[in-house]
Protein backbone atom coordinates (compact mmCIF):
# COMPACT_ATOMS: atom_id res chain seq x y z
CA MET A 1 121.15 168.96 69.98
CA LEU A 2 120.31 167.69 73.46
CA THR A 3 118.44 164.76 71.94
CA LEU A 4 121.46 163.89 69.83
CA LEU A 5 123.75 164.11 72.87
CA PHE A 6 121.40 161.92 74.91
CA PHE A 7 121.15 159.36 72.08
CA PHE A 8 124.94 159.21 71.76
CA PHE A 9 125.51 158.65 75.46
CA SER A 10 122.58 156.24 75.84
CA TRP A 11 123.67 154.15 72.88
CA SER A 12 127.31 154.20 73.89
CA SER A 13 126.60 153.37 77.51
CA TYR A 14 124.56 150.34 76.46
CA PHE A 15 127.67 148.90 74.87
CA HIS A 16 129.87 150.15 77.73
CA ASP A 17 132.21 152.08 75.41
CA VAL A 18 131.58 155.20 77.47
CA SER A 19 131.12 155.20 81.21
CA VAL A 20 128.37 157.69 81.94
CA ALA A 21 125.57 158.30 84.43
CA PHE A 22 122.61 160.64 83.99
CA PHE A 23 121.14 163.01 86.58
CA ASP A 24 117.94 164.80 85.58
CA LEU A 25 116.59 167.45 87.97
CA LYS A 26 113.02 168.70 87.51
CA VAL A 27 111.28 171.38 89.54
CA SER A 28 107.50 171.44 89.87
CA GLU A 29 104.96 173.02 92.19
CA ASP A 30 105.15 169.89 94.36
CA GLY A 31 108.90 169.96 94.88
CA ILE A 32 112.12 168.87 93.24
CA GLU A 33 112.63 165.44 91.68
CA LEU A 34 115.97 163.95 90.69
CA GLU A 35 116.05 160.96 88.35
CA MET A 36 119.35 159.09 88.12
CA LYS A 37 120.42 156.36 85.72
CA PHE A 38 123.62 154.35 86.22
CA ILE A 39 125.12 151.55 84.18
CA LYS A 40 124.50 148.59 86.48
CA GLU A 41 127.88 146.96 85.91
CA ASN A 42 129.74 150.18 86.80
CA MET A 43 127.69 150.97 89.90
CA GLU A 44 128.01 147.41 91.22
CA LYS A 45 131.77 147.43 90.64
CA VAL A 46 132.18 150.68 92.60
CA LEU A 47 129.87 149.54 95.40
CA LYS A 48 131.76 146.26 95.82
CA GLU A 49 135.08 148.12 95.96
CA SER A 50 133.72 150.75 98.37
CA TYR A 51 131.80 148.35 100.64
CA PRO A 52 133.63 144.99 100.34
CA ASN A 53 131.93 143.28 103.31
CA THR A 54 128.36 143.84 102.11
CA ASP A 55 126.03 141.12 100.86
CA PHE A 56 124.78 142.54 97.55
CA SER A 57 122.63 139.51 96.78
CA ASN A 58 120.11 140.94 99.25
CA LYS A 59 118.32 143.71 97.34
CA LEU A 60 117.43 145.64 100.49
CA ASN A 61 121.10 145.71 101.58
CA LYS A 62 122.13 146.78 98.10
CA HIS A 63 119.61 149.64 98.05
CA LYS A 64 120.71 150.86 101.49
CA ILE A 65 124.33 150.88 100.32
CA ILE A 66 123.33 152.81 97.18
CA GLU A 67 121.65 155.41 99.42
CA THR A 68 124.76 155.62 101.60
CA TYR A 69 127.01 155.91 98.56
CA LEU A 70 124.90 158.70 97.04
CA SER A 71 124.78 160.61 100.32
CA THR A 72 128.59 160.71 100.39
CA HIS A 73 129.16 161.45 96.68
CA LEU A 74 126.42 163.99 95.93
CA ARG A 75 126.16 167.35 97.65
CA TRP A 76 123.49 169.93 96.83
CA ILE A 77 123.33 173.58 97.83
CA ILE A 78 120.12 175.27 96.71
CA ASN A 79 119.78 179.03 97.20
CA GLY A 80 122.71 178.92 99.62
CA SER A 81 121.32 176.11 101.82
CA ALA A 82 122.64 172.54 101.88
CA LYS A 83 119.88 170.10 100.90
CA ASN A 84 119.55 166.37 101.28
CA CYS A 85 117.54 164.33 98.86
CA VAL A 86 115.39 161.44 99.98
CA ILE A 87 115.57 158.29 97.89
CA ASP A 88 112.03 157.53 96.79
CA GLN A 89 112.61 154.55 94.52
CA ILE A 90 115.39 152.28 93.28
CA SER A 91 114.82 149.82 90.46
CA GLU A 92 117.00 147.98 88.03
CA ASP A 93 116.91 145.99 84.88
CA GLU A 94 119.55 143.91 83.14
CA HIS A 95 121.70 146.93 82.21
CA TYR A 96 120.77 149.90 84.41
CA ILE A 97 120.00 151.05 87.94
CA PHE A 98 117.29 153.72 88.10
CA ILE A 99 116.95 155.94 91.15
CA THR A 100 114.37 158.61 91.94
CA ALA A 101 115.09 161.06 94.74
CA LEU A 102 113.02 163.93 96.10
CA PHE A 103 113.85 167.26 97.68
CA SER A 104 111.39 169.27 99.70
CA LYS A 105 109.65 172.10 97.92
CA PRO A 106 111.82 175.22 98.05
CA GLN A 107 110.37 178.16 99.97
CA HIS A 108 111.55 180.59 97.29
CA SER A 109 112.10 180.38 93.57
CA ILE A 110 115.39 178.66 92.74
CA GLN A 111 118.03 181.24 91.93
CA ARG A 112 121.19 179.21 92.46
CA ILE A 113 122.19 175.54 92.61
CA GLU A 114 125.66 174.32 93.46
CA ILE A 115 126.41 170.63 93.04
CA TYR A 116 129.38 168.45 93.93
CA ASN A 117 129.11 165.08 92.21
CA THR A 118 131.85 162.47 92.46
CA CYS A 119 129.66 159.43 91.74
CA LEU A 120 131.79 156.73 90.05
CA ILE A 121 134.36 159.37 89.00
CA GLU A 122 137.01 158.35 91.53
CA GLN A 123 137.00 154.65 90.65
CA ILE A 124 136.19 154.52 86.94
CA HIS A 125 138.66 156.12 84.57
CA GLU A 126 137.08 158.47 82.01
CA HIS A 127 133.67 158.36 83.70
CA SER A 128 131.29 161.29 83.16
CA ASN A 129 128.15 162.41 84.96
CA ILE A 130 125.68 164.25 82.77
CA MET A 131 123.60 166.71 84.79
CA SER A 132 120.48 168.23 83.27
CA PHE A 133 118.22 170.79 84.90
CA HIS A 134 114.64 171.73 84.06
CA ILE A 135 114.09 174.94 86.00
CA HIS A 136 112.08 178.06 85.14
CA ASN A 137 111.05 176.56 81.78
CA LYS A 138 114.70 176.28 80.75
CA GLU A 139 116.81 173.21 80.20
CA ARG A 140 120.53 173.27 80.93
CA MET A 141 122.97 170.38 80.68
CA PHE A 142 126.49 169.91 82.06
CA ARG A 143 129.14 167.21 81.95
CA LEU A 144 131.04 166.47 85.15
CA HIS A 145 134.19 164.36 85.16
CA ARG A 146 137.41 163.80 87.09
CA LYS A 147 138.65 167.35 86.51
CA ARG A 148 135.24 168.97 87.04
CA VAL A 149 133.20 167.67 89.98
CA ARG A 150 131.48 170.94 90.89
CA ILE A 151 129.06 173.14 89.00
CA LEU A 152 127.22 176.32 89.88
CA VAL A 153 124.02 177.13 88.02
CA GLU A 154 122.44 180.53 88.47
CA TYR A 155 119.04 181.73 87.32
CA SER A 156 117.86 185.31 87.17
């Protein structure tokens, strides 16, 4: 089912019928990794509206603005403590912007994650953020949108 959902959104987003971004959180012994995938056209539109005096032809400027944007539109609370992710890599191709971010290794097993995600939601009508989590050998997936920008995931 998850594969079918992913195929639908990936295929649709390629043709820009559906505005969607993917956030995939994986926990390992080394720490927490977040992989993000945005439709390039949508992200660039929002960045230009949000930061109109920025030179986006300079890739370094663009990547710094992406980091700033993400820091203001993504908030993570893991086991009751606010966490900041560190952008490890930003790359792009003709259609997508790919971002990898890292969190420090949690001191204790993850029991609770609360996320506020307003990326692209405020500026693009009908936009959705698909959040998937790979924690404790379980995969969970959620859709965030204009009416739902916060989720709470608990593990026992």
